[in-house]
Amino acid sequence: MKKHESIQKVMTTSPITVQKGQKLSEVNAIFREHNIHHVPVLDHKKPVGMIAEADLLRLIYDAGNTDSRMQDTMIDQQHTISDVMTTELKTLNTSSTVRDAAELLSDSRYHSVIVLENGNIAGIVTTTDLIHYLCEQF
């Protein structure tokens, strides 16, 4: 295994992002349509948060046993992206290594990290990306 391999080897480039002012139902649709679990939140082009599917699923669960349109309406009326997103962002830059990402993500509190280039989002690395990378090494 190459511990100094570039993070660019494992990161998802041009990740799907949302703007801070979007509705949570739109984020929920992104999770469903793209089969992803983390979405960076931007304020214009600046990363300001991360929303995880698990965070949104808790709200949907709290909304009760209603159909998906009703759940979307309820979460949009009661919450904003800012209410749900994690603002304590963990970031790396494009010159970081796979090892840097693994060390950061080994803390069980985080399952994704934003990769920056010149202050702009260049990609995202998740624990799943690292597992796929490990599988390729065997």
N, C-alpha and C. Protein backbone atom coordinates (compact mmCIF):
# COMPACT_ATOMS: atom_id res chain seq x y z
N MET A 1 0.85 -1.17 0.00
CA MET A 1 0.00 0.00 0.00
C MET A 1 0.90 1.24 0.00
N LYS A 2 0.50 2.21 -0.77
CA LYS A 2 1.30 3.42 -0.90
C LYS A 2 0.76 4.49 0.05
N LYS A 3 1.45 4.67 1.19
CA LYS A 3 0.92 5.58 2.20
C LYS A 3 1.06 7.05 1.81
N HIS A 4 1.86 7.33 0.79
CA HIS A 4 2.02 8.72 0.35
C HIS A 4 1.27 9.01 -0.94
N GLU A 5 0.34 8.12 -1.29
CA GLU A 5 -0.47 8.30 -2.50
C GLU A 5 -1.33 9.56 -2.34
N SER A 6 -1.48 10.30 -3.42
CA SER A 6 -2.25 11.54 -3.40
C SER A 6 -3.72 11.29 -3.07
N ILE A 7 -4.28 12.19 -2.31
CA ILE A 7 -5.70 12.12 -1.97
C ILE A 7 -6.57 12.15 -3.24
N GLN A 8 -6.01 12.72 -4.29
CA GLN A 8 -6.75 12.80 -5.55
C GLN A 8 -7.03 11.42 -6.13
N LYS A 9 -6.30 10.42 -5.67
CA LYS A 9 -6.50 9.03 -6.11
C LYS A 9 -7.84 8.49 -5.60
N VAL A 10 -8.29 8.96 -4.44
CA VAL A 10 -9.50 8.40 -3.83
C VAL A 10 -10.68 9.37 -3.78
N MET A 11 -10.44 10.64 -3.95
CA MET A 11 -11.53 11.61 -3.76
C MET A 11 -12.51 11.60 -4.94
N THR A 12 -13.73 11.96 -4.63
CA THR A 12 -14.73 12.20 -5.66
C THR A 12 -14.55 13.64 -6.10
N THR A 13 -14.24 13.83 -7.37
CA THR A 13 -14.07 15.20 -7.87
C THR A 13 -15.42 15.76 -8.26
N SER A 14 -15.55 17.05 -8.20
CA SER A 14 -16.80 17.74 -8.52
C SER A 14 -18.00 17.10 -7.81
N PRO A 15 -17.95 17.05 -6.48
CA PRO A 15 -19.06 16.42 -5.76
C PRO A 15 -20.34 17.24 -5.88
N ILE A 16 -21.44 16.54 -5.70
CA ILE A 16 -22.74 17.22 -5.66
C ILE A 16 -22.76 18.05 -4.39
N THR A 17 -23.15 19.29 -4.51
CA THR A 17 -23.22 20.20 -3.36
C THR A 17 -24.60 20.84 -3.32
N VAL A 18 -24.90 21.45 -2.19
CA VAL A 18 -26.13 22.23 -2.06
C VAL A 18 -25.77 23.60 -1.51
N GLN A 19 -26.64 24.53 -1.76
CA GLN A 19 -26.48 25.88 -1.20
C GLN A 19 -27.22 25.95 0.13
N LYS A 20 -26.69 26.74 1.03
CA LYS A 20 -27.23 26.86 2.38
C LYS A 20 -28.73 27.18 2.40
N GLY A 21 -29.21 27.90 1.41
CA GLY A 21 -30.61 28.31 1.39
C GLY A 21 -31.58 27.31 0.76
N GLN A 22 -31.09 26.19 0.27
CA GLN A 22 -31.97 25.21 -0.35
C GLN A 22 -32.84 24.53 0.70
N LYS A 23 -33.90 23.88 0.23
CA LYS A 23 -34.81 23.16 1.11
C LYS A 23 -34.25 21.78 1.43
N LEU A 24 -34.55 21.30 2.62
CA LEU A 24 -34.11 19.97 3.01
C LEU A 24 -34.71 18.88 2.13
N SER A 25 -35.91 19.11 1.62
CA SER A 25 -36.51 18.11 0.72
C SER A 25 -35.67 17.95 -0.55
N GLU A 26 -35.02 19.02 -0.98
CA GLU A 26 -34.14 18.93 -2.15
C GLU A 26 -32.90 18.10 -1.82
N VAL A 27 -32.38 18.26 -0.62
CA VAL A 27 -31.24 17.46 -0.18
C VAL A 27 -31.66 15.99 -0.10
N ASN A 28 -32.83 15.74 0.44
CA ASN A 28 -33.35 14.39 0.54
C ASN A 28 -33.46 13.75 -0.84
N ALA A 29 -33.92 14.51 -1.81
CA ALA A 29 -34.03 13.99 -3.19
C ALA A 29 -32.65 13.67 -3.76
N ILE A 30 -31.67 14.48 -3.46
CA ILE A 30 -30.29 14.22 -3.92
C ILE A 30 -29.78 12.91 -3.34
N PHE A 31 -29.99 12.69 -2.05
CA PHE A 31 -29.56 11.44 -1.43
C PHE A 31 -30.21 10.24 -2.12
N ARG A 32 -31.51 10.34 -2.38
CA ARG A 32 -32.23 9.22 -3.01
C ARG A 32 -31.77 9.00 -4.45
N GLU A 33 -31.67 10.07 -5.23
CA GLU A 33 -31.38 9.95 -6.66
C GLU A 33 -29.94 9.55 -6.96
N HIS A 34 -29.01 9.96 -6.11
CA HIS A 34 -27.59 9.73 -6.42
C HIS A 34 -26.92 8.68 -5.54
N ASN A 35 -27.69 8.11 -4.61
CA ASN A 35 -27.17 7.07 -3.72
C ASN A 35 -25.86 7.50 -3.05
N ILE A 36 -25.88 8.71 -2.50
CA ILE A 36 -24.75 9.23 -1.74
C ILE A 36 -25.22 9.49 -0.31
N HIS A 37 -24.26 9.72 0.59
CA HIS A 37 -24.61 9.85 2.01
C HIS A 37 -24.12 11.14 2.66
N HIS A 38 -23.33 11.94 1.93
CA HIS A 38 -22.81 13.20 2.45
C HIS A 38 -22.85 14.24 1.35
N VAL A 39 -23.29 15.44 1.70
CA VAL A 39 -23.34 16.53 0.73
C VAL A 39 -22.75 17.79 1.37
N PRO A 40 -21.69 18.34 0.76
CA PRO A 40 -21.17 19.61 1.25
C PRO A 40 -22.18 20.74 1.04
N VAL A 41 -22.24 21.63 2.02
CA VAL A 41 -23.13 22.79 1.96
C VAL A 41 -22.27 24.02 1.69
N LEU A 42 -22.66 24.78 0.68
CA LEU A 42 -21.91 25.97 0.29
C LEU A 42 -22.72 27.22 0.56
N ASP A 43 -22.01 28.29 0.84
CA ASP A 43 -22.58 29.63 0.85
C ASP A 43 -21.91 30.31 -0.33
N HIS A 44 -22.61 30.36 -1.44
CA HIS A 44 -22.04 30.70 -2.75
C HIS A 44 -21.01 29.64 -3.08
N LYS A 45 -19.73 29.94 -3.11
CA LYS A 45 -18.73 28.91 -3.42
C LYS A 45 -17.96 28.42 -2.20
N LYS A 46 -18.20 29.05 -1.05
CA LYS A 46 -17.44 28.72 0.16
C LYS A 46 -18.11 27.58 0.94
N PRO A 47 -17.36 26.51 1.24
CA PRO A 47 -17.92 25.43 2.06
C PRO A 47 -18.18 25.91 3.49
N VAL A 48 -19.43 25.71 3.95
CA VAL A 48 -19.80 26.15 5.30
C VAL A 48 -20.35 25.02 6.16
N GLY A 49 -20.54 23.85 5.56
CA GLY A 49 -21.09 22.74 6.33
C GLY A 49 -21.13 21.46 5.55
N MET A 50 -21.57 20.42 6.24
CA MET A 50 -21.75 19.11 5.63
C MET A 50 -23.05 18.55 6.16
N ILE A 51 -23.87 18.01 5.29
CA ILE A 51 -25.09 17.36 5.75
C ILE A 51 -24.99 15.88 5.40
N ALA A 52 -25.26 15.06 6.39
CA ALA A 52 -25.21 13.62 6.22
C ALA A 52 -26.62 13.07 6.10
N GLU A 53 -26.74 12.02 5.32
CA GLU A 53 -28.05 11.40 5.15
C GLU A 53 -28.62 10.97 6.49
N ALA A 54 -27.77 10.49 7.40
CA ALA A 54 -28.24 10.06 8.72
C ALA A 54 -28.90 11.21 9.49
N ASP A 55 -28.36 12.41 9.35
CA ASP A 55 -28.96 13.57 10.02
C ASP A 55 -30.38 13.82 9.50
N LEU A 56 -30.51 13.70 8.20
CA LEU A 56 -31.82 13.93 7.58
C LEU A 56 -32.79 12.80 7.90
N LEU A 57 -32.29 11.57 7.94
CA LEU A 57 -33.16 10.43 8.26
C LEU A 57 -33.75 10.55 9.66
N ARG A 58 -33.00 11.13 10.60
CA ARG A 58 -33.54 11.33 11.95
C ARG A 58 -34.75 12.27 11.91
N LEU A 59 -34.67 13.32 11.11
CA LEU A 59 -35.80 14.25 10.99
C LEU A 59 -37.00 13.57 10.35
N ILE A 60 -36.73 12.78 9.33
CA ILE A 60 -37.81 12.08 8.63
C ILE A 60 -38.48 11.08 9.57
N TYR A 61 -37.66 10.40 10.35
CA TYR A 61 -38.20 9.45 11.33
C TYR A 61 -39.09 10.19 12.33
N ASP A 62 -38.63 11.35 12.77
CA ASP A 62 -39.41 12.15 13.73
C ASP A 62 -40.71 12.66 13.11
N ALA A 63 -40.73 12.80 11.77
CA ALA A 63 -41.93 13.29 11.09
C ALA A 63 -43.05 12.27 11.12
N GLY A 64 -42.73 11.05 11.46
CA GLY A 64 -43.76 10.03 11.61
C GLY A 64 -43.99 9.20 10.37
N ASN A 65 -44.97 8.37 10.47
CA ASN A 65 -45.28 7.41 9.42
C ASN A 65 -46.25 8.02 8.41
N THR A 66 -45.74 8.94 7.61
CA THR A 66 -46.55 9.57 6.58
C THR A 66 -45.88 9.31 5.23
N ASP A 67 -46.56 9.66 4.16
CA ASP A 67 -45.94 9.45 2.85
C ASP A 67 -44.79 10.43 2.63
N SER A 68 -43.97 10.15 1.64
CA SER A 68 -42.73 10.93 1.45
C SER A 68 -43.00 12.40 1.15
N ARG A 69 -44.09 12.70 0.43
CA ARG A 69 -44.39 14.12 0.16
C ARG A 69 -44.72 14.86 1.44
N MET A 70 -45.47 14.21 2.31
CA MET A 70 -45.83 14.83 3.59
C MET A 70 -44.58 15.00 4.46
N GLN A 71 -43.70 13.99 4.46
CA GLN A 71 -42.45 14.10 5.23
C GLN A 71 -41.62 15.26 4.73
N ASP A 72 -41.49 15.40 3.39
CA ASP A 72 -40.73 16.51 2.82
C ASP A 72 -41.32 17.85 3.23
N THR A 73 -42.64 17.96 3.18
CA THR A 73 -43.31 19.20 3.56
C THR A 73 -43.03 19.52 5.03
N MET A 74 -43.13 18.51 5.87
CA MET A 74 -42.92 18.72 7.31
C MET A 74 -41.48 19.14 7.62
N ILE A 75 -40.50 18.48 7.00
CA ILE A 75 -39.13 18.86 7.32
C ILE A 75 -38.79 20.24 6.76
N ASP A 76 -39.37 20.59 5.60
CA ASP A 76 -39.14 21.93 5.05
C ASP A 76 -39.75 23.02 5.92
N GLN A 77 -40.89 22.74 6.51
CA GLN A 77 -41.56 23.73 7.35
C GLN A 77 -40.89 23.88 8.71
N GLN A 78 -40.29 22.81 9.21
CA GLN A 78 -39.77 22.83 10.58
C GLN A 78 -38.26 23.04 10.68
N HIS A 79 -37.52 22.83 9.58
CA HIS A 79 -36.06 22.89 9.66
C HIS A 79 -35.45 23.50 8.40
N THR A 80 -34.25 24.01 8.57
CA THR A 80 -33.46 24.49 7.43
C THR A 80 -32.17 23.67 7.36
N ILE A 81 -31.47 23.80 6.27
CA ILE A 81 -30.18 23.12 6.14
C ILE A 81 -29.25 23.56 7.27
N SER A 82 -29.27 24.83 7.60
CA SER A 82 -28.41 25.34 8.68
C SER A 82 -28.70 24.67 10.02
N ASP A 83 -29.96 24.27 10.25
CA ASP A 83 -30.33 23.58 11.49
C ASP A 83 -29.71 22.20 11.58
N VAL A 84 -29.49 21.58 10.43
CA VAL A 84 -29.14 20.17 10.38
C VAL A 84 -27.66 19.93 10.08
N MET A 85 -27.05 20.81 9.31
CA MET A 85 -25.68 20.57 8.84
C MET A 85 -24.68 20.66 9.98
N THR A 86 -23.57 19.95 9.79
CA THR A 86 -22.42 20.04 10.68
C THR A 86 -21.59 21.22 10.20
N THR A 87 -21.28 22.12 11.11
CA THR A 87 -20.49 23.29 10.71
C THR A 87 -19.01 23.13 11.07
N GLU A 88 -18.71 22.14 11.89
CA GLU A 88 -17.31 21.88 12.24
C GLU A 88 -16.71 21.01 11.13
N LEU A 89 -16.28 21.69 10.08
CA LEU A 89 -15.78 20.99 8.90
C LEU A 89 -14.36 20.51 9.08
N LYS A 90 -14.11 19.34 8.57
CA LYS A 90 -12.77 18.80 8.47
C LYS A 90 -12.40 18.90 6.99
N THR A 91 -11.29 19.55 6.71
CA THR A 91 -10.87 19.71 5.33
C THR A 91 -9.42 19.30 5.15
N LEU A 92 -9.11 18.93 3.94
CA LEU A 92 -7.74 18.67 3.50
C LEU A 92 -7.55 19.44 2.21
N ASN A 93 -6.34 19.49 1.71
CA ASN A 93 -6.14 20.13 0.42
C ASN A 93 -5.66 19.10 -0.60
N THR A 94 -5.65 19.48 -1.84
CA THR A 94 -5.34 18.53 -2.91
C THR A 94 -3.92 17.98 -2.83
N SER A 95 -3.05 18.61 -2.05
CA SER A 95 -1.70 18.08 -1.87
C SER A 95 -1.62 17.06 -0.74
N SER A 96 -2.73 16.82 -0.05
CA SER A 96 -2.77 15.83 1.04
C SER A 96 -2.66 14.41 0.47
N THR A 97 -2.43 13.48 1.38
CA THR A 97 -2.28 12.08 0.98
C THR A 97 -3.48 11.24 1.44
N VAL A 98 -3.55 10.03 0.90
CA VAL A 98 -4.57 9.08 1.34
C VAL A 98 -4.41 8.83 2.84
N ARG A 99 -3.18 8.74 3.29
CA ARG A 99 -2.93 8.54 4.73
C ARG A 99 -3.50 9.69 5.56
N ASP A 100 -3.33 10.93 5.09
CA ASP A 100 -3.90 12.09 5.79
C ASP A 100 -5.40 11.93 5.95
N ALA A 101 -6.06 11.51 4.87
CA ALA A 101 -7.51 11.32 4.91
C ALA A 101 -7.88 10.20 5.87
N ALA A 102 -7.13 9.09 5.82
CA ALA A 102 -7.41 7.96 6.71
C ALA A 102 -7.25 8.35 8.17
N GLU A 103 -6.21 9.10 8.48
CA GLU A 103 -6.01 9.53 9.87
C GLU A 103 -7.14 10.43 10.34
N LEU A 104 -7.56 11.34 9.48
CA LEU A 104 -8.64 12.26 9.85
C LEU A 104 -9.97 11.52 10.01
N LEU A 105 -10.24 10.59 9.11
CA LEU A 105 -11.53 9.89 9.13
C LEU A 105 -11.55 8.73 10.12
N SER A 106 -10.40 8.38 10.69
CA SER A 106 -10.40 7.29 11.67
C SER A 106 -11.06 7.72 12.97
N ASP A 107 -11.23 9.01 13.16
CA ASP A 107 -12.00 9.54 14.29
C ASP A 107 -13.47 9.26 13.96
N SER A 108 -14.14 8.48 14.76
CA SER A 108 -15.49 8.01 14.42
C SER A 108 -16.53 9.11 14.31
N ARG A 109 -16.17 10.34 14.65
CA ARG A 109 -17.15 11.43 14.55
C ARG A 109 -17.35 11.89 13.11
N TYR A 110 -16.38 11.61 12.24
CA TYR A 110 -16.45 12.12 10.88
C TYR A 110 -16.38 10.97 9.89
N HIS A 111 -17.22 11.09 8.87
CA HIS A 111 -17.25 10.05 7.83
C HIS A 111 -17.00 10.64 6.44
N SER A 112 -16.71 11.93 6.41
CA SER A 112 -16.40 12.57 5.13
C SER A 112 -15.53 13.80 5.40
N VAL A 113 -14.74 14.13 4.40
CA VAL A 113 -13.88 15.31 4.51
C VAL A 113 -13.89 16.02 3.16
N ILE A 114 -13.96 17.33 3.22
CA ILE A 114 -13.93 18.15 2.01
C ILE A 114 -12.48 18.39 1.62
N VAL A 115 -12.22 18.29 0.33
CA VAL A 115 -10.88 18.55 -0.20
C VAL A 115 -10.92 19.90 -0.91
N LEU A 116 -10.02 20.80 -0.50
CA LEU A 116 -9.99 22.15 -1.04
C LEU A 116 -8.79 22.37 -1.94
N GLU A 117 -8.98 23.26 -2.90
CA GLU A 117 -7.88 23.74 -3.72
C GLU A 117 -8.07 25.24 -3.86
N ASN A 118 -7.13 26.00 -3.36
CA ASN A 118 -7.22 27.47 -3.35
C ASN A 118 -8.50 27.96 -2.70
N GLY A 119 -8.93 27.29 -1.62
CA GLY A 119 -10.11 27.70 -0.87
C GLY A 119 -11.43 27.25 -1.46
N ASN A 120 -11.40 26.67 -2.65
CA ASN A 120 -12.63 26.18 -3.29
C ASN A 120 -12.70 24.67 -3.18
N ILE A 121 -13.91 24.15 -3.19
CA ILE A 121 -14.09 22.71 -3.07
C ILE A 121 -13.62 22.01 -4.35
N ALA A 122 -12.72 21.05 -4.17
CA ALA A 122 -12.19 20.29 -5.30
C ALA A 122 -12.71 18.86 -5.27
N GLY A 123 -13.15 18.41 -4.08
CA GLY A 123 -13.64 17.04 -3.97
C GLY A 123 -14.08 16.71 -2.57
N ILE A 124 -14.43 15.46 -2.40
CA ILE A 124 -14.84 14.93 -1.10
C ILE A 124 -14.29 13.52 -0.98
N VAL A 125 -13.87 13.16 0.22
CA VAL A 125 -13.43 11.80 0.51
C VAL A 125 -14.28 11.29 1.66
N THR A 126 -14.80 10.08 1.51
CA THR A 126 -15.61 9.46 2.55
C THR A 126 -14.92 8.19 3.04
N THR A 127 -15.39 7.69 4.16
CA THR A 127 -14.85 6.43 4.67
C THR A 127 -15.07 5.31 3.64
N THR A 128 -16.15 5.35 2.93
CA THR A 128 -16.42 4.36 1.88
C THR A 128 -15.37 4.44 0.78
N ASP A 129 -14.97 5.65 0.40
CA ASP A 129 -13.92 5.81 -0.61
C ASP A 129 -12.63 5.13 -0.15
N LEU A 130 -12.30 5.30 1.13
CA LEU A 130 -11.08 4.69 1.67
C LEU A 130 -11.18 3.17 1.71
N ILE A 131 -12.34 2.65 2.02
CA ILE A 131 -12.53 1.19 2.02
C ILE A 131 -12.35 0.64 0.61
N HIS A 132 -12.91 1.32 -0.38
CA HIS A 132 -12.74 0.89 -1.78
C HIS A 132 -11.26 0.91 -2.16
N TYR A 133 -10.56 1.94 -1.75
CA TYR A 133 -9.13 2.04 -2.03
C TYR A 133 -8.38 0.85 -1.40
N LEU A 134 -8.69 0.55 -0.15
CA LEU A 134 -8.06 -0.58 0.52
C LEU A 134 -8.32 -1.89 -0.21
N CYS A 135 -9.55 -2.08 -0.64
CA CYS A 135 -9.91 -3.30 -1.37
C CYS A 135 -9.08 -3.46 -2.64
N GLU A 136 -8.79 -2.35 -3.31
CA GLU A 136 -7.98 -2.40 -4.53
C GLU A 136 -6.55 -2.81 -4.25
N GLN A 137 -6.10 -2.61 -3.02
CA GLN A 137 -4.71 -2.90 -2.67
C GLN A 137 -4.45 -4.38 -2.45
N PHE A 138 -5.51 -5.18 -2.28
CA PHE A 138 -5.35 -6.61 -1.98
C PHE A 138 -5.53 -7.46 -3.21
